[in-house]
Structure formats: structure tokens, C-alpha cells
Amino acid sequence: MKARSVAFIILLIVISDQLLKIWVKTHYHLNESHQIIGSGFQLYFVENPGMAYGWKFGGNWGKLALTVFRMAAVIFGTWYLGKIIKEKYHKGFIICAGLVYAGALGNLLDSCFYGMIFDKGMDPITNTYNAVANDINPYLAKVSRPGYSSFLHGNVVDMLYFPVLRGHFPQWFPFWGGQDFEFFRPIFNLADASISTGVISILVFQKRFFKQRNAKETHHTVETEALVNDESQVS
């Protein structure tokens, strides 16, 4: 698979992810939602200072650590994608690795720059939306300098919400008796979906992805390591 084909897939995902995030952030109030397809799919604007699907980790220092980790993952991913393309790994595996890379890059852009270019965002310490006083749209973000935070301290924008199934646990149900339940509860974005699709596909199709690779390595070993000469044939 050619590098430019992988680059096209990555750019398509990153650009789509960023366009949707920027549109939602500048057109939706925080926690505003709209039904898209019946009751099964909504655009629901939330900000996530932590990991994928709304998981959080360690306040401001945790946020910084996650951003640095994302940056390291993208740097490593750039090298690794080049390696597997050069060594002609299975096309499906390369595409899946590209999906994971694109998702990591998409969320990294939020973490690095959104705090610098938007005037409002979620504070990871107080867990409040730091709206500007006397603003005409106090909860509607706009591109502005200075931003609501600094480099590496931006929040990831999430908006895809699939509350497919809602109900209520009966009182006799262990642990969650009497509580409401909802499937699927996490709110995520295109970058998260890209990462999940890539990882799950690798796990499901790993035998197919690596079968051809293992066969090539075995064939190469047999051809290069066998010593064939007159002396070995006599013995």
C-alpha cells in the first residue's frame, strides 16, 4: 500500500473530525443537544479534559500528562506507519494503524491548540465552563486571542451520542438495583470512533493480517538459513 493512500485516509479523517468539532463548539451551547435520527442518535456538545469517551485522569496535571502522551503516541505512530508501509505489511493492518493514528492526531490538535484559539472552554480543575462576563453569547464559543487556556491545556470536543437503550433496573437487581441505565452512555467524537474502529478491527482480523506476514518470514528463514553444499549432502 502506498504512503500517499494512507496519508489521504488520515487527512480525510482529521479534517472531518476538526470541521465537526469546530462547528459544534461555535454553534452549540455547552450540553446543548439535537436529535439527528429519531431518538437513537444525537449531537450533544460536551467538553472532555481527559481521555476518550469522557474518562478523566488527575485534574490539570493529568490533563497535561495525557496531552504529552498523545504527542508521544503521534510521533511514534509516524515512524511506525512508515515502517509497516515500507515493509509491506497487510493492507488491512496498515489501514487500521492509520485509523488509530488519525484519531490520536485529531484529539491531539484539540489538546494542544483549542485552549489557545477559543475564548471559552471547560476548566479541568473546577469542572465549570469559564464564560466571559457580559458576553453577548456567554456560552457560545468563538475564535479569539487570548484563549481560555494555554498550549497543551485545551479540551477535546465530543458530540456523538447514541442513547440506544434506556430503562430502569428493578430493585432486586444486584449492585444497580433501582438505578436508571442507558446504553450507549459515553459521548465521543470522530477521532475516538476512528481509534476504536482501528483497534477493534486489528483484534478481530489479526490472524488474517499477520498470516501472510508470518508465512513470508518463515519462507525467508528457510531460504536463507539452510546450508546446502557437497559436504552437507554427503553427511
Protein backbone atom coordinates (compact mmCIF):
# COMPACT_ATOMS: atom_id res chain seq x y z
CA MET A 1 0.00 0.00 0.00
CA LYS A 2 1.35 3.41 -0.96
CA ALA A 3 2.11 6.05 1.65
CA ARG A 4 0.04 8.68 -0.16
CA SER A 5 -3.06 6.48 0.08
CA VAL A 6 -2.61 6.17 3.85
CA ALA A 7 -1.95 9.91 4.11
CA PHE A 8 -5.19 10.60 2.23
CA ILE A 9 -7.21 8.44 4.65
CA ILE A 10 -5.59 10.13 7.65
CA LEU A 11 -6.18 13.64 6.27
CA LEU A 12 -9.80 12.83 5.43
CA ILE A 13 -10.50 11.66 9.00
CA VAL A 14 -8.60 14.50 10.70
CA ILE A 15 -10.21 17.23 8.56
CA SER A 16 -13.72 15.76 9.02
CA ASP A 17 -13.13 15.44 12.76
CA GLN A 18 -11.87 19.00 13.14
CA LEU A 19 -14.59 20.57 10.98
CA LEU A 20 -17.32 18.88 13.03
CA LYS A 21 -15.67 19.82 16.33
CA ILE A 22 -15.21 23.47 15.36
CA TRP A 23 -18.77 23.72 14.03
CA VAL A 24 -20.28 22.20 17.18
CA LYS A 25 -18.14 24.32 19.53
CA THR A 26 -19.04 27.57 17.78
CA HIS A 27 -22.76 26.80 17.19
CA TYR A 28 -23.81 24.81 20.28
CA HIS A 29 -24.10 25.88 23.89
CA LEU A 30 -22.40 23.54 26.34
CA ASN A 31 -24.66 20.50 26.97
CA GLU A 32 -26.96 21.51 24.13
CA SER A 33 -28.24 18.58 22.10
CA HIS A 34 -30.30 17.96 18.96
CA GLN A 35 -31.92 14.79 17.70
CA ILE A 36 -30.49 13.68 14.37
CA ILE A 37 -32.05 10.28 13.72
CA GLY A 38 -35.09 9.59 15.87
CA SER A 39 -34.10 9.10 19.50
CA GLY A 40 -31.16 6.87 18.70
CA PHE A 41 -28.59 9.48 17.62
CA GLN A 42 -27.92 12.99 18.91
CA LEU A 43 -25.37 15.72 18.54
CA TYR A 44 -24.66 16.59 22.17
CA PHE A 45 -21.92 19.12 22.88
CA VAL A 46 -19.66 18.36 25.83
CA GLU A 47 -16.01 19.10 26.55
CA ASN A 48 -13.65 16.44 27.77
CA PRO A 49 -10.44 17.40 29.60
CA GLY A 50 -9.48 13.75 29.95
CA MET A 51 -9.30 10.62 27.85
CA ALA A 52 -11.55 9.16 25.17
CA TYR A 53 -15.28 8.75 25.82
CA GLY A 54 -15.27 11.24 28.69
CA TRP A 55 -12.90 9.42 31.05
CA LYS A 56 -10.88 11.77 33.23
CA PHE A 57 -7.49 11.48 34.85
CA GLY A 58 -5.81 13.52 37.57
CA GLY A 59 -7.00 17.11 37.12
CA ASN A 60 -4.70 19.68 35.50
CA TRP A 61 -1.51 17.61 35.79
CA GLY A 62 -3.35 14.57 34.48
CA LYS A 63 -4.57 16.64 31.54
CA LEU A 64 -1.02 17.75 30.74
CA ALA A 65 0.28 14.18 31.06
CA LEU A 66 -2.39 12.89 28.68
CA THR A 67 -1.58 15.57 26.12
CA VAL A 68 2.13 14.74 26.26
CA PHE A 69 1.26 11.04 25.96
CA ARG A 70 -0.87 11.76 22.87
CA MET A 71 2.01 13.73 21.38
CA ALA A 72 4.46 10.88 22.01
CA ALA A 73 1.97 8.41 20.51
CA VAL A 74 1.64 10.50 17.34
CA ILE A 75 5.43 10.82 16.99
CA PHE A 76 5.86 7.07 17.43
CA GLY A 77 2.91 6.42 15.11
CA THR A 78 4.52 8.48 12.34
CA TRP A 79 7.62 6.31 12.49
CA TYR A 80 5.67 3.07 12.81
CA LEU A 81 3.37 3.80 9.87
CA GLY A 82 6.40 4.49 7.69
CA LYS A 83 7.95 1.21 8.83
CA ILE A 84 4.96 -1.03 8.10
CA ILE A 85 4.34 0.64 4.73
CA LYS A 86 7.99 0.18 3.74
CA GLU A 87 7.97 -3.45 4.86
CA LYS A 88 4.69 -4.06 3.01
CA TYR A 89 2.52 -5.30 5.84
CA HIS A 90 -1.02 -6.45 5.11
CA LYS A 91 -3.08 -3.65 3.56
CA GLY A 92 -5.85 -4.05 6.13
CA PHE A 93 -3.42 -3.73 9.03
CA ILE A 94 -1.89 -0.59 7.54
CA ILE A 95 -5.33 0.98 7.15
CA CYS A 96 -6.27 0.09 10.74
CA ALA A 97 -2.99 1.55 12.03
CA GLY A 98 -3.77 4.67 10.00
CA LEU A 99 -7.21 4.93 11.65
CA VAL A 100 -5.65 4.77 15.12
CA TYR A 101 -3.05 7.36 14.11
CA ALA A 102 -5.68 9.70 12.64
CA GLY A 103 -7.77 9.52 15.79
CA ALA A 104 -4.81 10.21 18.05
CA LEU A 105 -3.78 13.17 15.88
CA GLY A 106 -7.33 14.57 15.83
CA ASN A 107 -7.62 14.63 19.63
CA LEU A 108 -4.05 15.90 19.99
CA LEU A 109 -4.94 19.00 17.97
CA ASP A 110 -7.75 19.77 20.43
CA SER A 111 -5.49 19.31 23.45
CA CYS A 112 -2.68 21.41 22.02
CA PHE A 113 -4.48 24.33 20.40
CA TYR A 114 -8.16 24.66 21.36
CA GLY A 115 -7.31 26.38 24.64
CA MET A 116 -5.35 28.98 22.68
CA ILE A 117 -7.81 29.72 19.86
CA PHE A 118 -11.25 29.62 21.55
CA ASP A 119 -12.40 32.10 24.19
CA LYS A 120 -14.39 29.60 26.27
CA GLY A 121 -13.84 26.09 27.50
CA MET A 122 -14.23 23.68 30.38
CA ASP A 123 -11.90 24.22 33.32
CA PRO A 124 -10.44 20.79 34.25
CA ILE A 125 -9.99 21.80 37.89
CA THR A 126 -13.33 23.43 38.73
CA ASN A 127 -15.25 21.47 36.09
CA THR A 128 -17.01 24.70 35.07
CA TYR A 129 -17.34 26.44 31.72
CA ASN A 130 -15.39 29.69 32.04
CA ALA A 131 -17.73 32.01 30.14
CA VAL A 132 -16.70 35.64 29.73
CA ALA A 133 -18.78 38.16 31.68
CA ASN A 134 -21.08 40.49 29.67
CA ASP A 135 -20.55 38.44 26.51
CA ILE A 136 -23.46 38.61 24.05
CA ASN A 137 -23.32 34.80 23.79
CA PRO A 138 -21.82 33.90 27.18
CA TYR A 139 -21.86 30.16 26.49
CA LEU A 140 -21.24 30.16 22.75
CA ALA A 141 -17.53 29.93 21.95
CA LYS A 142 -15.81 31.93 19.25
CA VAL A 143 -12.30 32.10 17.87
CA SER A 144 -10.40 34.62 19.95
CA ARG A 145 -6.99 35.58 21.28
CA PRO A 146 -6.19 35.08 24.05
CA GLY A 147 -7.98 31.78 24.52
CA TYR A 148 -9.46 30.15 27.58
CA SER A 149 -6.25 28.25 28.37
CA SER A 150 -2.67 27.73 27.23
CA PHE A 151 -0.75 25.42 24.92
CA LEU A 152 -1.27 21.72 25.79
CA HIS A 153 -4.22 22.54 28.08
CA GLY A 154 -7.11 22.56 25.62
CA ASN A 155 -10.13 20.29 25.97
CA VAL A 156 -11.31 17.70 23.49
CA VAL A 157 -14.71 18.41 21.95
CA ASP A 158 -17.18 15.49 21.98
CA MET A 159 -20.59 15.41 20.35
CA LEU A 160 -21.67 11.95 19.12
CA TYR A 161 -24.27 10.45 21.44
CA PHE A 162 -26.12 7.16 20.92
CA PRO A 163 -28.60 6.56 23.78
CA VAL A 164 -29.89 3.44 22.05
CA LEU A 165 -31.49 1.81 25.06
CA ARG A 166 -32.80 3.35 28.25
CA GLY A 167 -34.50 1.73 31.20
CA HIS A 168 -34.62 1.14 34.92
CA PHE A 169 -33.02 -1.66 36.92
CA PRO A 170 -35.50 -3.45 39.21
CA GLN A 171 -34.91 -3.18 42.94
CA TRP A 172 -33.79 -6.82 43.20
CA PHE A 173 -31.02 -6.35 40.59
CA PRO A 174 -27.51 -6.75 42.15
CA PHE A 175 -25.40 -3.59 42.64
CA TRP A 176 -27.52 -1.29 40.44
CA GLY A 177 -30.98 -2.09 41.77
CA GLY A 178 -33.35 0.86 41.45
CA GLN A 179 -30.98 2.87 39.24
CA ASP A 180 -31.51 4.08 35.70
CA PHE A 181 -29.43 2.55 32.94
CA GLU A 182 -28.57 3.76 29.48
CA PHE A 183 -26.82 2.15 26.54
CA PHE A 184 -24.70 3.65 24.92
CA ARG A 185 -23.88 6.34 27.52
CA PRO A 186 -20.45 7.79 26.51
CA ILE A 187 -20.31 10.86 24.27
CA PHE A 188 -17.45 10.75 21.79
CA ASN A 189 -16.15 12.21 18.52
CA LEU A 190 -14.96 11.04 15.11
CA ALA A 191 -11.39 10.71 16.35
CA ASP A 192 -12.48 8.37 19.16
CA ALA A 193 -14.54 6.36 16.67
CA SER A 194 -11.55 6.10 14.35
CA ILE A 195 -9.30 4.81 17.14
CA SER A 196 -11.90 2.28 18.29
CA THR A 197 -12.56 1.05 14.76
CA GLY A 198 -8.85 0.56 14.11
CA VAL A 199 -8.13 -1.24 17.39
CA ILE A 200 -11.20 -3.50 17.24
CA SER A 201 -10.52 -4.40 13.59
CA ILE A 202 -6.93 -5.36 14.41
CA LEU A 203 -8.12 -7.60 17.25
CA VAL A 204 -10.83 -9.24 15.14
CA PHE A 205 -8.77 -9.74 11.97
CA GLN A 206 -5.30 -10.20 13.44
CA LYS A 207 -4.95 -13.76 12.11
CA ARG A 208 -5.72 -12.58 8.60
CA PHE A 209 -3.47 -9.53 8.91
CA PHE A 210 -0.44 -11.44 10.18
CA LYS A 211 -0.90 -14.83 8.50
CA GLN A 212 0.66 -13.63 5.25
CA ARG A 213 3.40 -11.82 7.18
CA ASN A 214 4.30 -14.90 9.23
CA ALA A 215 4.33 -17.06 6.09
CA LYS A 216 6.75 -14.68 4.39
CA GLU A 217 9.08 -14.62 7.40
CA THR A 218 9.06 -18.42 7.64
CA HIS A 219 9.78 -18.79 3.92
CA HIS A 220 12.59 -16.25 4.18
CA THR A 221 14.15 -18.15 7.11
CA VAL A 222 14.05 -21.48 5.25
CA GLU A 223 15.69 -19.98 2.17
CA THR A 224 18.45 -18.03 3.90
CA GLU A 225 19.42 -20.24 6.84
CA ALA A 226 19.64 -23.65 5.13
CA LEU A 227 23.23 -24.64 4.29
CA VAL A 228 23.36 -26.65 1.09
CA ASN A 229 26.75 -27.84 -0.31
CA ASP A 230 28.55 -31.05 -1.29
CA GLU A 231 29.85 -31.64 2.22
CA SER A 232 26.47 -31.26 3.90
CA GLN A 233 24.82 -33.53 1.30
CA VAL A 234 27.41 -36.29 1.90
CA SER A 235 26.97 -36.09 5.64
